[in-house]
Amino acid sequence: MENFLLNPLPETISELEAQVEIIAAEQKRCQDGIRRLMAAEDVEKGIVFPQEIHELHQRRNMLETHMQYRRVRINRLRLYREGR
């Protein structure tokens, strides 16, 4: 897991936006992995990857939660800056 996900959220919009980009790229890797595994499945031959696909879905969802926290923080920082 990316180390910055374990730390408190940054206090600057630029740091948060950089983390959002990293998270989005990782989400894309998860989605690509899901598609690749699903395409490689052949149920008739017993080639299935349910656990791996589930884990990638879970990771993608976890990353979405982290991304939402960062978007909320960005919006709050912008509102605070505009309110001054």
PDB file of N, CA and C in Angstrom:
ATOM      1  N   MET A   1       0.846  -1.177   0.000  1.00  0.00           N
ATOM      2  CA  MET A   1       0.000   0.000   0.000  1.00  0.00           C
ATOM      3  C   MET A   1       0.893   1.242   0.000  1.00  0.00           C
ATOM      4  N   GLU A   2       0.454   2.260  -0.681  1.00  0.00           N
ATOM      5  CA  GLU A   2       1.215   3.492  -0.735  1.00  0.00           C
ATOM      6  C   GLU A   2       1.343   4.056   0.677  1.00  0.00           C
ATOM      7  N   ASN A   3       2.548   4.458   1.042  1.00  0.00           N
ATOM      8  CA  ASN A   3       2.797   4.937   2.400  1.00  0.00           C
ATOM      9  C   ASN A   3       1.981   6.163   2.758  1.00  0.00           C
ATOM     10  N   PHE A   4       1.777   7.065   1.798  1.00  0.00           N
ATOM     11  CA  PHE A   4       1.074   8.306   2.123  1.00  0.00           C
ATOM     12  C   PHE A   4      -0.378   8.045   2.511  1.00  0.00           C
ATOM     13  N   LEU A   5      -0.944   6.913   2.128  1.00  0.00           N
ATOM     14  CA  LEU A   5      -2.316   6.607   2.517  1.00  0.00           C
ATOM     15  C   LEU A   5      -2.439   6.344   4.014  1.00  0.00           C
ATOM     16  N   LEU A   6      -1.333   6.003   4.652  1.00  0.00           N
ATOM     17  CA  LEU A   6      -1.345   5.720   6.084  1.00  0.00           C
ATOM     18  C   LEU A   6      -1.128   6.973   6.921  1.00  0.00           C
ATOM     19  N   ASN A   7      -0.704   8.053   6.293  1.00  0.00           N
ATOM     20  CA  ASN A   7      -0.400   9.299   7.004  1.00  0.00           C
ATOM     21  C   ASN A   7      -1.617  10.215   7.022  1.00  0.00           C
ATOM     22  N   PRO A   8      -1.615  11.197   7.922  1.00  0.00           N
ATOM     23  CA  PRO A   8      -2.691  12.192   7.897  1.00  0.00           C
ATOM     24  C   PRO A   8      -2.698  12.925   6.553  1.00  0.00           C
ATOM     25  N   LEU A   9      -3.858  13.478   6.218  1.00  0.00           N
ATOM     26  CA  LEU A   9      -3.979  14.190   4.946  1.00  0.00           C
ATOM     27  C   LEU A   9      -3.102  15.433   4.942  1.00  0.00           C
ATOM     28  N   PRO A  10      -2.507  15.751   3.788  1.00  0.00           N
ATOM     29  CA  PRO A  10      -1.703  16.971   3.688  1.00  0.00           C
ATOM     30  C   PRO A  10      -2.570  18.220   3.865  1.00  0.00           C
ATOM     31  N   GLU A  11      -1.925  19.336   4.082  1.00  0.00           N
ATOM     32  CA  GLU A  11      -2.624  20.592   4.309  1.00  0.00           C
ATOM     33  C   GLU A  11      -2.599  21.519   3.098  1.00  0.00           C
ATOM     34  N   THR A  12      -1.985  21.085   1.997  1.00  0.00           N
ATOM     35  CA  THR A  12      -1.933  21.948   0.817  1.00  0.00           C
ATOM     36  C   THR A  12      -2.685  21.301  -0.337  1.00  0.00           C
ATOM     37  N   ILE A  13      -3.307  22.142  -1.126  1.00  0.00           N
ATOM     38  CA  ILE A  13      -4.077  21.653  -2.272  1.00  0.00           C
ATOM     39  C   ILE A  13      -3.165  20.940  -3.265  1.00  0.00           C
ATOM     40  N   SER A  14      -1.984  21.478  -3.496  1.00  0.00           N
ATOM     41  CA  SER A  14      -1.084  20.854  -4.480  1.00  0.00           C
ATOM     42  C   SER A  14      -0.674  19.443  -4.058  1.00  0.00           C
ATOM     43  N   GLU A  15      -0.387  19.243  -2.777  1.00  0.00           N
ATOM     44  CA  GLU A  15      -0.037  17.895  -2.299  1.00  0.00           C
ATOM     45  C   GLU A  15      -1.224  16.947  -2.437  1.00  0.00           C
ATOM     46  N   LEU A  16      -2.401  17.439  -2.097  1.00  0.00           N
ATOM     47  CA  LEU A  16      -3.608  16.616  -2.203  1.00  0.00           C
ATOM     48  C   LEU A  16      -3.883  16.251  -3.655  1.00  0.00           C
ATOM     49  N   GLU A  17      -3.750  17.212  -4.567  1.00  0.00           N
ATOM     50  CA  GLU A  17      -3.984  16.938  -5.985  1.00  0.00           C
ATOM     51  C   GLU A  17      -2.976  15.929  -6.524  1.00  0.00           C
ATOM     52  N   ALA A  18      -1.726  16.023  -6.065  1.00  0.00           N
ATOM     53  CA  ALA A  18      -0.709  15.049  -6.492  1.00  0.00           C
ATOM     54  C   ALA A  18      -1.081  13.650  -6.017  1.00  0.00           C
ATOM     55  N   GLN A  19      -1.570  13.547  -4.784  1.00  0.00           N
ATOM     56  CA  GLN A  19      -1.981  12.246  -4.267  1.00  0.00           C
ATOM     57  C   GLN A  19      -3.196  11.712  -5.011  1.00  0.00           C
ATOM     58  N   VAL A  20      -4.123  12.589  -5.384  1.00  0.00           N
ATOM     59  CA  VAL A  20      -5.301  12.162  -6.152  1.00  0.00           C
ATOM     60  C   VAL A  20      -4.856  11.556  -7.483  1.00  0.00           C
ATOM     61  N   GLU A  21      -3.863  12.165  -8.124  1.00  0.00           N
ATOM     62  CA  GLU A  21      -3.353  11.633  -9.392  1.00  0.00           C
ATOM     63  C   GLU A  21      -2.734  10.251  -9.203  1.00  0.00           C
ATOM     64  N   ILE A  22      -1.973  10.070  -8.141  1.00  0.00           N
ATOM     65  CA  ILE A  22      -1.357   8.769  -7.858  1.00  0.00           C
ATOM     66  C   ILE A  22      -2.433   7.719  -7.598  1.00  0.00           C
ATOM     67  N   ILE A  23      -3.439   8.100  -6.818  1.00  0.00           N
ATOM     68  CA  ILE A  23      -4.533   7.178  -6.506  1.00  0.00           C
ATOM     69  C   ILE A  23      -5.294   6.804  -7.774  1.00  0.00           C
ATOM     70  N   ALA A  24      -5.568   7.789  -8.640  1.00  0.00           N
ATOM     71  CA  ALA A  24      -6.284   7.518  -9.888  1.00  0.00           C
ATOM     72  C   ALA A  24      -5.494   6.545 -10.769  1.00  0.00           C
ATOM     73  N   ALA A  25      -4.189   6.717 -10.822  1.00  0.00           N
ATOM     74  CA  ALA A  25      -3.356   5.807 -11.616  1.00  0.00           C
ATOM     75  C   ALA A  25      -3.408   4.391 -11.052  1.00  0.00           C
ATOM     76  N   GLU A  26      -3.390   4.280  -9.734  1.00  0.00           N
ATOM     77  CA  GLU A  26      -3.465   2.952  -9.106  1.00  0.00           C
ATOM     78  C   GLU A  26      -4.841   2.320  -9.322  1.00  0.00           C
ATOM     79  N   GLN A  27      -5.885   3.139  -9.283  1.00  0.00           N
ATOM     80  CA  GLN A  27      -7.228   2.622  -9.571  1.00  0.00           C
ATOM     81  C   GLN A  27      -7.292   2.084 -10.998  1.00  0.00           C
ATOM     82  N   LYS A  28      -6.655   2.788 -11.921  1.00  0.00           N
ATOM     83  CA  LYS A  28      -6.642   2.330 -13.316  1.00  0.00           C
ATOM     84  C   LYS A  28      -5.910   0.996 -13.424  1.00  0.00           C
ATOM     85  N   ARG A  29      -4.801   0.851 -12.692  1.00  0.00           N
ATOM     86  CA  ARG A  29      -4.076  -0.431 -12.705  1.00  0.00           C
ATOM     87  C   ARG A  29      -4.961  -1.553 -12.162  1.00  0.00           C
ATOM     88  N   CYS A  30      -5.721  -1.255 -11.116  1.00  0.00           N
ATOM     89  CA  CYS A  30      -6.638  -2.257 -10.562  1.00  0.00           C
ATOM     90  C   CYS A  30      -7.686  -2.642 -11.599  1.00  0.00           C
ATOM     91  N   GLN A  31      -8.286  -1.645 -12.231  1.00  0.00           N
ATOM     92  CA  GLN A  31      -9.322  -1.915 -13.228  1.00  0.00           C
ATOM     93  C   GLN A  31      -8.751  -2.707 -14.400  1.00  0.00           C
ATOM     94  N   ASP A  32      -7.554  -2.346 -14.838  1.00  0.00           N
ATOM     95  CA  ASP A  32      -6.913  -3.093 -15.929  1.00  0.00           C
ATOM     96  C   ASP A  32      -6.655  -4.538 -15.509  1.00  0.00           C
ATOM     97  N   GLY A  33      -6.233  -4.734 -14.266  1.00  0.00           N
ATOM     98  CA  GLY A  33      -6.002  -6.091 -13.762  1.00  0.00           C
ATOM     99  C   GLY A  33      -7.282  -6.903 -13.711  1.00  0.00           C
ATOM    100  N   ILE A  34      -8.370  -6.271 -13.304  1.00  0.00           N
ATOM    101  CA  ILE A  34      -9.667  -6.947 -13.272  1.00  0.00           C
ATOM    102  C   ILE A  34     -10.059  -7.385 -14.678  1.00  0.00           C
ATOM    103  N   ARG A  35      -9.938  -6.473 -15.623  1.00  0.00           N
ATOM    104  CA  ARG A  35     -10.297  -6.801 -17.019  1.00  0.00           C
ATOM    105  C   ARG A  35      -9.423  -7.924 -17.570  1.00  0.00           C
ATOM    106  N   ARG A  36      -8.120  -7.856 -17.264  1.00  0.00           N
ATOM    107  CA  ARG A  36      -7.189  -8.874 -17.762  1.00  0.00           C
ATOM    108  C   ARG A  36      -7.538 -10.245 -17.194  1.00  0.00           C
ATOM    109  N   LEU A  37      -7.804 -10.302 -15.891  1.00  0.00           N
ATOM    110  CA  LEU A  37      -8.143 -11.584 -15.261  1.00  0.00           C
ATOM    111  C   LEU A  37      -9.472 -12.125 -15.775  1.00  0.00           C
ATOM    112  N   MET A  38     -10.453 -11.248 -15.923  1.00  0.00           N
ATOM    113  CA  MET A  38     -11.751 -11.705 -16.418  1.00  0.00           C
ATOM    114  C   MET A  38     -11.638 -12.217 -17.851  1.00  0.00           C
ATOM    115  N   ALA A  39     -10.810 -11.576 -18.650  1.00  0.00           N
ATOM    116  CA  ALA A  39     -10.620 -12.022 -20.027  1.00  0.00           C
ATOM    117  C   ALA A  39      -9.892 -13.361 -20.087  1.00  0.00           C
ATOM    118  N   ALA A  40      -9.030 -13.619 -19.094  1.00  0.00           N
ATOM    119  CA  ALA A  40      -8.252 -14.855 -19.079  1.00  0.00           C
ATOM    120  C   ALA A  40      -9.038 -16.045 -18.517  1.00  0.00           C
ATOM    121  N   GLU A  41     -10.184 -15.769 -17.914  1.00  0.00           N
ATOM    122  CA  GLU A  41     -10.966 -16.861 -17.331  1.00  0.00           C
ATOM    123  C   GLU A  41     -11.571 -17.747 -18.421  1.00  0.00           C
ATOM    124  N   ASP A  42     -11.592 -19.035 -18.124  1.00  0.00           N
ATOM    125  CA  ASP A  42     -12.252 -20.019 -18.986  1.00  0.00           C
ATOM    126  C   ASP A  42     -12.924 -21.018 -18.040  1.00  0.00           C
ATOM    127  N   VAL A  43     -14.184 -20.765 -17.768  1.00  0.00           N
ATOM    128  CA  VAL A  43     -14.918 -21.556 -16.774  1.00  0.00           C
ATOM    129  C   VAL A  43     -14.949 -23.026 -17.155  1.00  0.00           C
ATOM    130  N   GLU A  44     -15.136 -23.322 -18.426  1.00  0.00           N
ATOM    131  CA  GLU A  44     -15.205 -24.720 -18.871  1.00  0.00           C
ATOM    132  C   GLU A  44     -13.923 -25.478 -18.567  1.00  0.00           C
ATOM    133  N   LYS A  45     -12.791 -24.788 -18.617  1.00  0.00           N
ATOM    134  CA  LYS A  45     -11.507 -25.426 -18.325  1.00  0.00           C
ATOM    135  C   LYS A  45     -11.124 -25.284 -16.851  1.00  0.00           C
ATOM    136  N   GLY A  46     -11.973 -24.614 -16.086  1.00  0.00           N
ATOM    137  CA  GLY A  46     -11.694 -24.444 -14.663  1.00  0.00           C
ATOM    138  C   GLY A  46     -10.688 -23.348 -14.359  1.00  0.00           C
ATOM    139  N   ILE A  47     -10.474 -22.467 -15.322  1.00  0.00           N
ATOM    140  CA  ILE A  47      -9.538 -21.367 -15.115  1.00  0.00           C
ATOM    141  C   ILE A  47     -10.347 -20.148 -14.682  1.00  0.00           C
ATOM    142  N   VAL A  48     -10.334 -19.896 -13.377  1.00  0.00           N
ATOM    143  CA  VAL A  48     -11.083 -18.767 -12.817  1.00  0.00           C
ATOM    144  C   VAL A  48     -10.215 -18.066 -11.774  1.00  0.00           C
ATOM    145  N   PHE A  49     -10.488 -16.800 -11.553  1.00  0.00           N
ATOM    146  CA  PHE A  49      -9.691 -15.995 -10.628  1.00  0.00           C
ATOM    147  C   PHE A  49     -10.586 -15.195  -9.679  1.00  0.00           C
ATOM    148  N   PRO A  50     -11.526 -15.825  -8.992  1.00  0.00           N
ATOM    149  CA  PRO A  50     -12.460 -15.052  -8.169  1.00  0.00           C
ATOM    150  C   PRO A  50     -11.789 -14.294  -7.024  1.00  0.00           C
ATOM    151  N   GLN A  51     -10.831 -14.913  -6.370  1.00  0.00           N
ATOM    152  CA  GLN A  51     -10.176 -14.253  -5.242  1.00  0.00           C
ATOM    153  C   GLN A  51      -9.370 -13.048  -5.702  1.00  0.00           C
ATOM    154  N   GLU A  52      -8.609 -13.217  -6.767  1.00  0.00           N
ATOM    155  CA  GLU A  52      -7.790 -12.120  -7.264  1.00  0.00           C
ATOM    156  C   GLU A  52      -8.658 -10.957  -7.746  1.00  0.00           C
ATOM    157  N   ILE A  53      -9.745 -11.279  -8.440  1.00  0.00           N
ATOM    158  CA  ILE A  53     -10.653 -10.246  -8.932  1.00  0.00           C
ATOM    159  C   ILE A  53     -11.302  -9.528  -7.755  1.00  0.00           C
ATOM    160  N   HIS A  54     -11.730 -10.275  -6.760  1.00  0.00           N
ATOM    161  CA  HIS A  54     -12.344  -9.676  -5.575  1.00  0.00           C
ATOM    162  C   HIS A  54     -11.360  -8.739  -4.870  1.00  0.00           C
ATOM    163  N   GLU A  55     -10.124  -9.179  -4.702  1.00  0.00           N
ATOM    164  CA  GLU A  55      -9.111  -8.354  -4.035  1.00  0.00           C
ATOM    165  C   GLU A  55      -8.862  -7.055  -4.803  1.00  0.00           C
ATOM    166  N   LEU A  56      -8.838  -7.143  -6.133  1.00  0.00           N
ATOM    167  CA  LEU A  56      -8.648  -5.931  -6.933  1.00  0.00           C
ATOM    168  C   LEU A  56      -9.848  -4.994  -6.816  1.00  0.00           C
ATOM    169  N   HIS A  57     -11.053  -5.549  -6.783  1.00  0.00           N
ATOM    170  CA  HIS A  57     -12.250  -4.722  -6.570  1.00  0.00           C
ATOM    171  C   HIS A  57     -12.176  -4.028  -5.209  1.00  0.00           C
ATOM    172  N   GLN A  58     -11.789  -4.775  -4.175  1.00  0.00           N
ATOM    173  CA  GLN A  58     -11.688  -4.211  -2.836  1.00  0.00           C
ATOM    174  C   GLN A  58     -10.647  -3.088  -2.795  1.00  0.00           C
ATOM    175  N   ARG A  59      -9.517  -3.321  -3.425  1.00  0.00           N
ATOM    176  CA  ARG A  59      -8.451  -2.296  -3.456  1.00  0.00           C
ATOM    177  C   ARG A  59      -8.927  -1.058  -4.195  1.00  0.00           C
ATOM    178  N   ARG A  60      -9.589  -1.252  -5.324  1.00  0.00           N
ATOM    179  CA  ARG A  60     -10.102  -0.119  -6.094  1.00  0.00           C
ATOM    180  C   ARG A  60     -11.100   0.680  -5.258  1.00  0.00           C
ATOM    181  N   ASN A  61     -11.980  -0.011  -4.539  1.00  0.00           N
ATOM    182  CA  ASN A  61     -12.954   0.676  -3.688  1.00  0.00           C
ATOM    183  C   ASN A  61     -12.280   1.420  -2.538  1.00  0.00           C
ATOM    184  N   MET A  62     -11.275   0.819  -1.942  1.00  0.00           N
ATOM    185  CA  MET A  62     -10.527   1.472  -0.867  1.00  0.00           C
ATOM    186  C   MET A  62      -9.855   2.736  -1.382  1.00  0.00           C
ATOM    187  N   LEU A  63      -9.285   2.648  -2.568  1.00  0.00           N
ATOM    188  CA  LEU A  63      -8.636   3.809  -3.173  1.00  0.00           C
ATOM    189  C   LEU A  63      -9.655   4.915  -3.464  1.00  0.00           C
ATOM    190  N   GLU A  64     -10.853   4.534  -3.869  1.00  0.00           N
ATOM    191  CA  GLU A  64     -11.900   5.530  -4.124  1.00  0.00           C
ATOM    192  C   GLU A  64     -12.241   6.286  -2.846  1.00  0.00           C
ATOM    193  N   THR A  65     -12.283   5.578  -1.730  1.00  0.00           N
ATOM    194  CA  THR A  65     -12.546   6.231  -0.446  1.00  0.00           C
ATOM    195  C   THR A  65     -11.449   7.238  -0.118  1.00  0.00           C
ATOM    196  N   HIS A  66     -10.199   6.837  -0.308  1.00  0.00           N
ATOM    197  CA  HIS A  66      -9.081   7.749  -0.058  1.00  0.00           C
ATOM    198  C   HIS A  66      -9.151   8.962  -0.989  1.00  0.00           C
ATOM    199  N   MET A  67      -9.536   8.730  -2.227  1.00  0.00           N
ATOM    200  CA  MET A  67      -9.651   9.835  -3.172  1.00  0.00           C
ATOM    201  C   MET A  67     -10.751  10.802  -2.734  1.00  0.00           C
ATOM    202  N   GLN A  68     -11.875  10.280  -2.275  1.00  0.00           N
ATOM    203  CA  GLN A  68     -12.976  11.131  -1.830  1.00  0.00           C
ATOM    204  C   GLN A  68     -12.558  11.985  -0.633  1.00  0.00           C
ATOM    205  N   TYR A  69     -11.827  11.425   0.314  1.00  0.00           N
ATOM    206  CA  TYR A  69     -11.334  12.207   1.445  1.00  0.00           C
ATOM    207  C   TYR A  69     -10.479  13.382   0.956  1.00  0.00           C
ATOM    208  N   ARG A  70      -9.642  13.115  -0.014  1.00  0.00           N
ATOM    209  CA  ARG A  70      -8.775  14.170  -0.536  1.00  0.00           C
ATOM    210  C   ARG A  70      -9.571  15.230  -1.294  1.00  0.00           C
ATOM    211  N   ARG A  71     -10.568  14.822  -2.042  1.00  0.00           N
ATOM    212  CA  ARG A  71     -11.406  15.806  -2.742  1.00  0.00           C
ATOM    213  C   ARG A  71     -12.146  16.697  -1.755  1.00  0.00           C
ATOM    214  N   VAL A  72     -12.662  16.102  -0.695  1.00  0.00           N
ATOM    215  CA  VAL A  72     -13.354  16.896   0.326  1.00  0.00           C
ATOM    216  C   VAL A  72     -12.376  17.889   0.959  1.00  0.00           C
ATOM    217  N   ARG A  73     -11.167  17.430   1.275  1.00  0.00           N
ATOM    218  CA  ARG A  73     -10.169  18.316   1.878  1.00  0.00           C
ATOM    219  C   ARG A  73      -9.818  19.452   0.924  1.00  0.00           C
ATOM    220  N   ILE A  74      -9.652  19.139  -0.358  1.00  0.00           N
ATOM    221  CA  ILE A  74      -9.358  20.185  -1.344  1.00  0.00           C
ATOM    222  C   ILE A  74     -10.478  21.218  -1.367  1.00  0.00           C
ATOM    223  N   ASN A  75     -11.718  20.758  -1.399  1.00  0.00           N
ATOM    224  CA  ASN A  75     -12.853  21.682  -1.426  1.00  0.00           C
ATOM    225  C   ASN A  75     -12.898  22.540  -0.168  1.00  0.00           C
ATOM    226  N   ARG A  76     -12.627  21.944   0.973  1.00  0.00           N
ATOM    227  CA  ARG A  76     -12.628  22.713   2.231  1.00  0.00           C
ATOM    228  C   ARG A  76     -11.524  23.759   2.233  1.00  0.00           C
ATOM    229  N   LEU A  77     -10.344  23.381   1.758  1.00  0.00           N
ATOM    230  CA  LEU A  77      -9.246  24.344   1.705  1.00  0.00           C
ATOM    231  C   LEU A  77      -9.577  25.493   0.760  1.00  0.00           C
ATOM    232  N   ARG A  78     -10.209  25.191  -0.371  1.00  0.00           N
ATOM    233  CA  ARG A  78     -10.594  26.247  -1.310  1.00  0.00           C
ATOM    234  C   ARG A  78     -11.644  27.163  -0.705  1.00  0.00           C
ATOM    235  N   LEU A  79     -12.636  26.583  -0.027  1.00  0.00           N
ATOM    236  CA  LEU A  79     -13.664  27.391   0.614  1.00  0.00           C
ATOM    237  C   LEU A  79     -13.053  28.284   1.708  1.00  0.00           C
ATOM    238  N   TYR A  80     -12.152  27.734   2.472  1.00  0.00           N
ATOM    239  CA  TYR A  80     -11.515  28.501   3.540  1.00  0.00           C
ATOM    240  C   TYR A  80     -10.702  29.659   2.952  1.00  0.00           C
ATOM    241  N   ARG A  81      -9.981  29.363   1.882  1.00  0.00           N
ATOM    242  CA  ARG A  81      -9.154  30.381   1.229  1.00  0.00           C
ATOM    243  C   ARG A  81     -10.032  31.492   0.635  1.00  0.00           C
ATOM    244  N   GLU A  82     -11.154  31.110   0.034  1.00  0.00           N
ATOM    245  CA  GLU A  82     -12.050  32.101  -0.568  1.00  0.00           C
ATOM    246  C   GLU A  82     -12.797  32.909   0.485  1.00  0.00           C
ATOM    247  N   GLY A  83     -13.009  32.323   1.653  1.00  0.00           N
ATOM    248  CA  GLY A  83     -13.761  32.989   2.710  1.00  0.00           C
ATOM    249  C   GLY A  83     -12.962  34.055   3.439  1.00  0.00           C
ATOM    250  N   ARG A  84     -11.683  34.097   3.229  1.00  0.00           N
ATOM    251  CA  ARG A  84     -10.837  35.077   3.941  1.00  0.00           C
ATOM    252  C   ARG A  84     -10.857  36.405   3.294  1.00  0.00           C
TER     253      ARG A  84
END
